[in-house]
N, C-alpha and C. Protein backbone atom coordinates (compact mmCIF):
# COMPACT_ATOMS: atom_id res chain seq x y z
N MET A 1 1.13 -1.50 -0.01
CA MET A 1 0.05 0.21 -0.36
C MET A 1 0.80 1.25 0.07
N ASN A 2 0.32 2.01 -0.74
CA ASN A 2 0.78 3.53 -0.69
C ASN A 2 0.81 3.75 0.68
N LYS A 3 1.48 5.17 1.31
CA LYS A 3 1.50 5.50 2.27
C LYS A 3 0.09 6.72 2.53
N THR A 4 -0.21 7.19 0.82
CA THR A 4 -1.25 7.88 0.97
C THR A 4 -2.85 7.23 1.13
N ASP A 5 -2.59 5.30 0.56
CA ASP A 5 -4.02 4.77 0.70
C ASP A 5 -4.49 4.61 1.88
N ARG A 6 -5.73 4.44 1.89
CA ARG A 6 -6.71 4.28 2.71
C ARG A 6 -7.05 3.25 2.96
N LEU A 7 -8.16 2.32 4.37
CA LEU A 7 -8.42 0.68 3.81
C LEU A 7 -9.50 1.23 3.43
N TYR A 8 -9.83 2.39 2.98
CA TYR A 8 -12.18 2.75 2.73
C TYR A 8 -11.12 2.04 1.03
N SER A 9 -9.79 2.69 0.63
CA SER A 9 -10.03 2.24 -0.83
C SER A 9 -9.19 1.26 -0.89
N LEU A 10 -9.15 -0.15 -0.33
CA LEU A 10 -9.13 -1.33 -0.90
C LEU A 10 -10.57 -1.72 -1.35
N GLY A 11 -11.31 -2.02 -1.04
CA GLY A 11 -12.53 -2.26 -1.60
C GLY A 11 -12.89 -2.11 -2.92
N PHE A 12 -11.84 -1.05 -3.25
CA PHE A 12 -12.07 -0.92 -4.70
C PHE A 12 -11.18 -1.82 -6.26
N LYS A 13 -10.50 -2.83 -5.17
CA LYS A 13 -9.18 -3.40 -5.60
C LYS A 13 -10.07 -4.92 -5.62
N GLU A 14 -9.78 -5.40 -7.23
CA GLU A 14 -10.30 -6.95 -6.96
C GLU A 14 -9.36 -7.76 -6.93
N VAL A 15 -9.17 -8.94 -6.25
CA VAL A 15 -7.99 -9.75 -5.59
C VAL A 15 -7.97 -10.72 -6.73
N ILE A 16 -6.76 -11.22 -7.00
CA ILE A 16 -6.54 -11.88 -8.02
C ILE A 16 -5.67 -13.58 -7.05
N ASN A 17 -6.55 -14.66 -7.07
CA ASN A 17 -4.86 -15.73 -6.35
C ASN A 17 -4.27 -16.32 -7.80
N LEU A 18 -3.06 -16.04 -7.91
CA LEU A 18 -1.78 -16.42 -8.03
C LEU A 18 -1.58 -18.32 -8.13
N HIS A 19 -2.45 -18.20 -7.06
CA HIS A 19 -2.30 -20.19 -7.00
C HIS A 19 -2.62 -20.81 -7.62
N ASP A 20 -3.96 -20.45 -8.55
CA ASP A 20 -4.77 -21.15 -9.48
C ASP A 20 -5.42 -19.98 -10.30
N GLY A 21 -5.12 -18.74 -10.67
CA GLY A 21 -5.35 -17.54 -11.56
C GLY A 21 -6.54 -17.34 -11.04
N GLN A 22 -7.65 -17.32 -9.86
CA GLN A 22 -9.02 -17.35 -9.88
C GLN A 22 -8.95 -15.95 -9.61
N ARG A 23 -10.38 -15.59 -10.02
CA ARG A 23 -10.40 -13.92 -9.49
C ARG A 23 -11.41 -14.09 -8.09
N LEU A 24 -10.74 -13.39 -6.70
CA LEU A 24 -11.96 -13.64 -5.78
C LEU A 24 -12.29 -12.67 -5.31
N GLY A 25 -12.43 -11.88 -5.98
CA GLY A 25 -13.50 -10.63 -5.81
C GLY A 25 -13.03 -9.47 -5.01
N TYR A 26 -14.10 -9.03 -4.51
CA TYR A 26 -13.27 -8.00 -3.89
C TYR A 26 -13.42 -7.27 -2.70
N ILE A 27 -12.41 -7.32 -1.88
CA ILE A 27 -13.22 -6.58 -0.27
C ILE A 27 -13.56 -6.48 0.51
N ARG A 28 -14.21 -7.03 1.22
CA ARG A 28 -15.88 -6.00 1.99
C ARG A 28 -14.82 -5.92 3.38
N ASP A 29 -14.45 -6.27 4.37
CA ASP A 29 -13.91 -6.16 5.33
C ASP A 29 -12.36 -6.44 5.48
N VAL A 30 -11.69 -5.89 6.53
CA VAL A 30 -10.45 -5.91 6.96
C VAL A 30 -10.37 -6.32 8.61
N GLU A 31 -9.01 -6.88 9.06
CA GLU A 31 -9.73 -7.56 10.55
C GLU A 31 -8.32 -6.70 10.73
N ILE A 32 -8.13 -6.19 11.91
CA ILE A 32 -7.24 -5.73 12.11
C ILE A 32 -6.85 -5.62 14.07
N GLU A 33 -5.77 -5.78 14.62
CA GLU A 33 -5.10 -5.89 15.59
C GLU A 33 -5.04 -4.44 16.41
N LEU A 34 -6.10 -4.04 17.34
CA LEU A 34 -5.93 -3.43 17.48
C LEU A 34 -5.46 -2.64 18.30
N GLU A 35 -4.72 -3.21 19.55
CA GLU A 35 -3.65 -3.03 20.25
C GLU A 35 -2.44 -2.37 19.47
N THR A 36 -1.75 -2.78 18.15
CA THR A 36 -0.55 -2.21 17.17
C THR A 36 -1.31 -1.47 16.15
N GLY A 37 -2.07 -1.92 15.51
CA GLY A 37 -3.57 -0.99 14.07
C GLY A 37 -2.40 -1.91 13.30
N VAL A 38 -2.11 -2.47 12.96
CA VAL A 38 -1.47 -3.87 12.35
C VAL A 38 -3.14 -4.53 11.33
N VAL A 39 -2.76 -4.79 10.37
CA VAL A 39 -4.25 -5.20 9.36
C VAL A 39 -3.27 -6.70 9.80
N LYS A 40 -4.69 -7.73 9.64
CA LYS A 40 -3.90 -8.93 9.40
C LYS A 40 -4.42 -10.08 9.01
N SER A 41 -5.41 -9.83 8.39
CA SER A 41 -6.29 -10.56 7.20
C SER A 41 -7.03 -9.48 6.32
N LEU A 42 -7.80 -9.57 4.86
CA LEU A 42 -8.53 -9.57 4.19
C LEU A 42 -9.92 -10.46 4.08
N VAL A 43 -10.90 -9.62 4.05
CA VAL A 43 -12.19 -10.53 4.07
C VAL A 43 -13.06 -10.47 2.53
N ILE A 44 -12.94 -11.37 2.07
CA ILE A 44 -14.07 -10.91 0.46
C ILE A 44 -15.27 -11.87 0.89
N PRO A 45 -16.47 -11.08 0.53
CA PRO A 45 -17.74 -12.32 0.68
C PRO A 45 -17.50 -13.34 0.18
N GLY A 46 -18.54 -14.57 0.49
CA GLY A 46 -18.56 -15.91 -0.32
C GLY A 46 -19.25 -15.71 -1.36
N LYS A 47 -19.28 -16.46 -2.56
CA LYS A 47 -20.13 -16.85 -3.35
C LYS A 47 -21.46 -17.09 -3.22
N LEU A 48 -22.26 -16.03 -4.14
CA LEU A 48 -23.85 -16.46 -4.16
C LEU A 48 -24.02 -17.69 -4.47
N ARG A 49 -24.84 -18.65 -3.82
CA ARG A 49 -25.39 -20.06 -4.14
C ARG A 49 -26.74 -19.62 -4.87
N PHE A 50 -26.94 -20.05 -6.21
CA PHE A 50 -28.54 -19.95 -7.11
C PHE A 50 -28.83 -18.83 -6.79
N PHE A 51 -28.10 -18.04 -7.47
CA PHE A 51 -28.25 -16.28 -7.38
C PHE A 51 -29.17 -16.09 -6.26
N GLY A 52 -28.19 -16.14 -5.14
CA GLY A 52 -28.73 -15.74 -4.20
C GLY A 52 -29.50 -15.91 -3.46
N LEU A 53 -30.55 -16.62 -3.80
CA LEU A 53 -31.29 -16.82 -3.22
C LEU A 53 -31.28 -17.94 -2.04
N PHE A 54 -29.85 -18.97 -2.43
CA PHE A 54 -30.00 -20.13 -0.96
C PHE A 54 -29.15 -18.92 -0.28
N GLY A 55 -29.00 -18.05 -0.45
CA GLY A 55 -28.03 -17.51 0.70
C GLY A 55 -26.11 -17.12 -0.29
N ARG A 56 -25.15 -17.14 1.01
CA ARG A 56 -24.21 -17.10 -0.43
C ARG A 56 -23.19 -17.95 0.82
N GLU A 57 -22.12 -18.56 0.61
CA GLU A 57 -21.27 -19.06 0.86
C GLU A 57 -20.32 -18.76 1.61
N ASP A 58 -19.18 -19.33 2.54
CA ASP A 58 -18.87 -18.74 3.83
C ASP A 58 -17.29 -17.51 3.19
N ASP A 59 -17.34 -16.47 4.11
CA ASP A 59 -16.75 -15.64 3.81
C ASP A 59 -14.84 -16.05 3.35
N LEU A 60 -14.57 -15.80 2.41
CA LEU A 60 -12.87 -16.00 2.27
C LEU A 60 -11.89 -14.80 3.08
N VAL A 61 -11.39 -15.60 3.79
CA VAL A 61 -10.29 -14.84 5.01
C VAL A 61 -9.33 -15.13 4.45
N ILE A 62 -8.45 -13.99 3.68
CA ILE A 62 -6.52 -14.26 3.20
C ILE A 62 -5.91 -13.67 4.05
N PRO A 63 -4.59 -14.26 4.74
CA PRO A 63 -3.82 -13.63 5.52
C PRO A 63 -3.28 -12.25 5.30
N TRP A 64 -2.48 -11.27 5.84
CA TRP A 64 -1.97 -10.40 4.88
C TRP A 64 -0.78 -10.87 4.58
N ASP A 65 -0.22 -11.74 4.90
CA ASP A 65 1.07 -11.84 4.42
C ASP A 65 0.88 -12.76 3.50
N ALA A 66 -0.54 -13.28 2.98
CA ALA A 66 0.10 -14.00 1.28
C ALA A 66 -0.20 -13.19 0.24
N ILE A 67 -0.71 -11.70 0.80
CA ILE A 67 -0.44 -10.18 -0.41
C ILE A 67 1.11 -10.96 -1.29
N GLU A 68 0.85 -10.22 -2.76
CA GLU A 68 2.28 -10.53 -3.05
C GLU A 68 2.34 -9.41 -3.82
N LYS A 69 1.18 -8.71 -4.21
CA LYS A 69 1.68 -7.21 -4.81
C LYS A 69 0.48 -6.62 -5.35
N MET A 70 0.06 -5.38 -4.72
CA MET A 70 -0.56 -4.12 -4.54
C MET A 70 -0.60 -3.21 -5.55
N GLY A 71 -1.75 -3.21 -6.85
CA GLY A 71 -1.53 -2.48 -7.58
C GLY A 71 -2.62 -1.25 -7.85
N ASP A 72 -2.53 -0.11 -8.37
CA ASP A 72 -3.49 0.54 -8.14
C ASP A 72 -5.32 -0.25 -9.14
N ASP A 73 -5.60 -0.85 -8.93
CA ASP A 73 -7.04 -1.78 -9.38
C ASP A 73 -7.00 -3.07 -8.69
N ILE A 74 -5.56 -3.82 -8.74
CA ILE A 74 -5.88 -4.97 -8.14
C ILE A 74 -4.28 -5.58 -6.99
N ILE A 75 -5.01 -6.38 -7.00
CA ILE A 75 -4.41 -6.86 -5.46
C ILE A 75 -3.76 -8.08 -6.07
N PHE A 76 -2.42 -8.75 -5.71
CA PHE A 76 -1.91 -10.37 -6.04
C PHE A 76 -1.92 -11.10 -4.94
N VAL A 77 -2.61 -12.26 -4.66
CA VAL A 77 -2.02 -12.68 -3.17
C VAL A 77 -1.94 -14.59 -3.83
N ARG A 78 -0.89 -14.70 -3.10
CA ARG A 78 -0.78 -16.20 -3.22
C ARG A 78 -1.23 -17.15 -1.94
N PHE A 79 -2.65 -17.85 -2.24
CA PHE A 79 -3.57 -18.59 -1.42
C PHE A 79 -4.04 -19.48 -2.05
N GLN A 80 -3.82 -21.12 -0.89
CA GLN A 80 -4.59 -22.16 -1.08
C GLN A 80 -5.91 -22.05 -0.27
N PRO A 81 -6.78 -21.47 -0.85
CA PRO A 81 -8.07 -21.77 0.15
C PRO A 81 -8.18 -23.08 0.43
N PRO A 82 -8.88 -23.53 1.93
CA PRO A 82 -9.56 -24.89 2.49
C PRO A 82 -10.09 -25.10 1.33
N VAL A 83 -9.66 -26.92 0.80
CA VAL A 83 -10.49 -27.54 0.46
C VAL A 83 -11.98 -28.44 1.03
N ARG A 84 -13.14 -27.54 0.57
CA ARG A 84 -13.97 -28.20 1.41
C ARG A 84 -14.87 -29.39 0.65
N ARG A 85 -15.31 -30.35 1.42
CA ARG A 85 -15.63 -31.74 1.12
C ARG A 85 -17.00 -31.51 0.82
N LYS A 86 -18.58 -31.66 -0.05
CA LYS A 86 -19.26 -31.79 -0.16
C LYS A 86 -19.48 -33.45 -0.13
N ASN A 87 -20.76 -33.36 0.65
CA ASN A 87 -21.17 -34.89 0.27
C ASN A 87 -20.34 -36.10 1.35
N ALA A 88 -19.23 -35.35 2.11
CA ALA A 88 -18.22 -36.04 2.46
C ALA A 88 -19.06 -37.79 3.40
N GLU A 89 -20.03 -37.72 3.83
CA GLU A 89 -20.81 -38.64 4.50
C GLU A 89 -21.38 -39.90 3.46
N LYS A 90 -22.01 -39.37 2.21
CA LYS A 90 -22.75 -40.24 1.16
C LYS A 90 -21.75 -41.18 0.83
N ARG A 91 -20.03 -40.40 1.03
CA ARG A 91 -19.19 -41.14 0.08
C ARG A 91 -18.73 -42.91 0.78
N ASN A 92 -19.23 -42.52 2.72
CA ASN A 92 -18.43 -44.00 2.96
C ASN A 92 -19.60 -44.67 3.30
N PHE A 93 -21.13 -44.85 2.76
CA PHE A 93 -21.92 -45.63 3.25
C PHE A 93 -22.36 -46.43 2.16
N SER A 94 -22.18 -48.12 2.74
CA SER A 94 -22.85 -49.27 1.72
C SER A 94 -24.06 -49.91 1.90
N LEU A 95 -24.06 -50.62 0.70
CA LEU A 95 -25.53 -51.07 0.62
C LEU A 95 -25.46 -52.29 0.86
N TYR A 96 -24.53 -52.97 1.47
CA TYR A 96 -25.17 -54.49 2.16
C TYR A 96 -24.74 -53.80 3.48
C-alpha cells in the first residue's frame, strides 16, 4: 500500500489468486489488531448460491502475509483456500 492509501480504497480493488488464477472478488472488510493497528487479514464475501436465493458461501479470509503485490486496481495474493468436501458422509456408506 502507498503511504496515501486508506483502508476504504481497498474495497475498490479486485483480488486475484496467483495460486490458481481465480478471481476471488472485492474486499468487503479487513481484520485489524487493535493494540498495534496492524492489518491482519482481508475478508472477501462468499459466492452467491443459486443467484442469491440460497444465501452465500462462507466468507474468504486471506492472511495479510499472502499478499504478493498491490496495484492501483488489483491485489495479487498467493493463497490456497481450504478444500471443502461436500457430501463426505455419502461417500462412506454401503448398501450391504
